[in-house]
Protein backbone atom coordinates (compact mmCIF):
# COMPACT_ATOMS: atom_id res chain seq x y z
CA MET A 1 25.73 -81.14 18.69
CA THR A 2 25.75 -80.01 15.08
CA PRO A 3 25.33 -76.41 13.88
CA ALA A 4 21.77 -77.36 12.80
CA ILE A 5 20.77 -78.54 16.28
CA ASN A 6 22.51 -75.56 17.87
CA ALA A 7 20.52 -73.22 15.58
CA ALA A 8 17.22 -74.85 16.58
CA LYS A 9 18.16 -74.77 20.26
CA LYS A 10 19.23 -71.11 20.09
CA ALA A 11 15.95 -70.17 18.36
CA LYS A 12 14.02 -71.84 21.21
CA ILE A 13 11.69 -73.64 18.82
CA LYS A 14 10.09 -77.01 19.46
CA TYR A 15 12.12 -79.75 17.76
CA THR A 16 13.03 -83.40 18.18
CA VAL A 17 16.34 -85.00 17.24
CA HIS A 18 16.19 -88.47 15.67
CA GLU A 19 19.29 -90.64 15.21
CA TYR A 20 19.56 -93.87 13.27
CA ASP A 21 22.32 -96.18 12.05
CA HIS A 22 23.20 -94.86 8.61
CA ASP A 23 24.15 -97.40 5.94
CA PRO A 24 26.71 -95.82 3.57
CA ALA A 25 25.52 -98.22 0.83
CA ALA A 26 21.91 -96.93 1.00
CA PRO A 27 20.82 -95.81 -2.50
CA SER A 28 18.85 -92.86 -1.09
CA PHE A 29 19.77 -91.26 2.24
CA GLY A 30 16.34 -89.63 2.53
CA VAL A 31 14.37 -92.83 1.89
CA GLU A 32 16.69 -94.62 4.31
CA ALA A 33 15.89 -91.99 6.96
CA ALA A 34 12.13 -92.44 6.46
CA GLU A 35 12.41 -96.24 6.70
CA LYS A 36 14.68 -96.28 9.73
CA LEU A 37 12.68 -93.62 11.57
CA GLY A 38 9.38 -95.30 10.68
CA VAL A 39 7.78 -92.18 9.22
CA PRO A 40 6.02 -91.66 5.87
CA PRO A 41 8.56 -90.51 3.26
CA GLU A 42 6.28 -87.55 2.44
CA ARG A 43 7.38 -86.03 5.77
CA VAL A 44 11.12 -86.44 5.14
CA PHE A 45 12.76 -83.68 3.12
CA LYS A 46 16.16 -83.45 1.46
CA THR A 47 18.28 -80.32 1.28
CA LEU A 48 19.67 -79.47 -2.17
CA VAL A 49 21.87 -76.56 -3.17
CA VAL A 50 21.49 -74.93 -6.57
CA ASP A 51 23.37 -72.35 -8.55
CA ALA A 52 20.86 -69.80 -9.80
CA GLY A 53 22.58 -67.40 -12.15
CA GLY A 54 25.85 -67.41 -10.19
CA SER A 55 24.21 -67.25 -6.75
CA LEU A 56 23.69 -70.25 -4.51
CA ALA A 57 20.32 -71.11 -3.00
CA VAL A 58 18.80 -73.98 -1.01
CA ALA A 59 15.82 -76.14 -1.98
CA VAL A 60 14.09 -78.33 0.61
CA VAL A 61 12.00 -81.00 -1.13
CA PRO A 62 10.36 -84.36 -0.23
CA VAL A 63 12.78 -87.26 -0.56
CA LEU A 64 10.56 -89.17 -3.00
CA LEU A 65 10.36 -86.23 -5.42
CA LYS A 66 12.84 -84.46 -7.65
CA LEU A 67 13.67 -80.79 -7.61
CA ASP A 68 12.10 -78.99 -10.57
CA LEU A 69 14.96 -76.68 -11.56
CA LYS A 70 12.70 -74.47 -13.72
CA ALA A 71 10.27 -74.01 -10.82
CA MET A 72 13.19 -73.30 -8.47
CA ALA A 73 14.58 -70.67 -10.85
CA LYS A 74 11.11 -69.09 -11.03
CA ALA A 75 10.81 -69.06 -7.22
CA LEU A 76 14.21 -67.34 -7.01
CA LYS A 77 13.38 -64.94 -9.87
CA ALA A 78 16.42 -66.26 -11.76
CA LYS A 79 16.72 -67.14 -15.46
CA LYS A 80 17.81 -70.71 -14.68
CA ALA A 81 19.02 -72.97 -11.92
CA ALA A 82 21.37 -75.94 -11.92
CA MET A 83 22.61 -78.24 -9.20
CA ALA A 84 25.65 -76.73 -7.47
CA ASP A 85 29.05 -78.43 -7.49
CA VAL A 86 29.56 -80.81 -4.54
CA LYS A 87 32.77 -79.13 -3.37
CA VAL A 88 31.12 -75.70 -3.49
CA VAL A 89 28.13 -77.05 -1.52
CA GLU A 90 30.34 -78.50 1.20
CA ARG A 91 32.53 -75.41 1.45
CA THR A 92 29.57 -73.01 1.54
CA THR A 93 27.28 -74.93 3.90
CA GLY A 94 29.88 -76.51 6.18
CA TYR A 95 28.16 -79.88 5.76
CA VAL A 96 29.02 -83.08 3.88
CA VAL A 97 26.71 -83.91 0.97
CA GLY A 98 24.15 -86.42 2.24
CA GLY A 99 24.10 -84.59 5.57
CA VAL A 100 23.43 -81.03 4.44
CA SER A 101 20.92 -79.37 6.73
CA PRO A 102 18.94 -76.25 5.84
CA LEU A 103 19.70 -75.08 9.40
CA GLY A 104 23.00 -73.77 10.73
CA GLN A 105 24.80 -73.38 7.43
CA LYS A 106 28.08 -71.43 7.43
CA LYS A 107 26.61 -68.92 5.00
CA ARG A 108 22.91 -68.10 4.97
CA LEU A 109 21.54 -68.80 1.50
CA PRO A 110 18.14 -67.96 0.02
CA THR A 111 15.94 -70.96 0.80
CA VAL A 112 12.78 -72.32 -0.82
CA VAL A 113 10.77 -75.09 0.83
CA ASP A 114 8.44 -77.12 -1.37
CA ALA A 115 4.83 -76.02 -0.86
CA SER A 116 3.82 -79.57 0.11
CA ALA A 117 5.46 -78.95 3.50
CA GLU A 118 2.93 -76.29 4.48
CA GLY A 119 0.20 -78.86 5.15
CA LEU A 120 2.32 -80.97 7.50
CA GLY A 121 2.28 -80.75 11.28
CA THR A 122 6.02 -81.51 11.36
CA LEU A 123 8.64 -82.53 8.85
CA PHE A 124 12.08 -84.09 9.05
CA VAL A 125 15.27 -82.53 7.63
CA SER A 126 18.90 -83.45 8.03
CA GLY A 127 20.31 -82.60 11.41
CA GLY A 128 23.72 -81.91 9.91
CA ARG A 129 25.17 -85.35 9.39
CA ARG A 130 24.16 -88.67 7.89
CA GLY A 131 22.07 -90.66 10.36
CA LEU A 132 20.72 -87.59 12.15
CA ASP A 133 17.42 -85.87 11.41
CA ILE A 134 15.63 -83.01 13.11
CA GLU A 135 11.83 -82.89 13.28
CA LEU A 136 10.21 -79.47 13.41
CA ALA A 137 7.21 -77.49 12.21
CA PRO A 138 7.37 -76.19 8.63
CA ALA A 139 6.70 -72.64 9.86
CA ASP A 140 9.67 -72.87 12.25
CA LEU A 141 11.91 -74.16 9.45
CA ALA A 142 10.82 -71.24 7.27
CA ALA A 143 11.38 -68.73 10.08
CA LEU A 144 14.85 -70.05 10.93
CA THR A 145 16.01 -70.09 7.31
CA ARG A 146 13.98 -67.07 6.11
CA ALA A 147 12.53 -69.44 3.53
CA SER A 148 9.62 -69.01 1.21
CA PHE A 149 7.25 -71.81 0.19
CA ALA A 150 6.80 -72.59 -3.50
CA PRO A 151 5.93 -75.65 -5.61
CA VAL A 152 9.51 -76.64 -6.54
CA ALA A 153 9.22 -80.47 -6.49
CA ARG A 154 7.79 -82.83 -9.07
């Protein structure tokens, strides 16, 4: 079990764990997850950590889209946002980049989920390691992470 799965289990929400054989040479871990799990990539979301004016925050966006840093800064009410340093991300979240889950992080960070997630029945996010995804309802993801929804992907 990973901290992400433990967090979902502890919260007693409905979730499904999906494992697949991860290829370290895959150009995009999120697209790889969608292909190997046989789900539309619009339902698979990546977890990104940003530095917004000296404070870290989490963005959860569809794997086929890019994070709009200006929109993320606006959602966080910060002047600007930039991608956080990999070492800082790993130390703060407790996860390896490519397997960062929005759930069960060592330190709870402000979280923004792209607004496109709201219309989905379920979505897939990293389960805390490469080759492991967790499927859950967007509302449950938001409740567990105290996230807000905002249009932060383009």
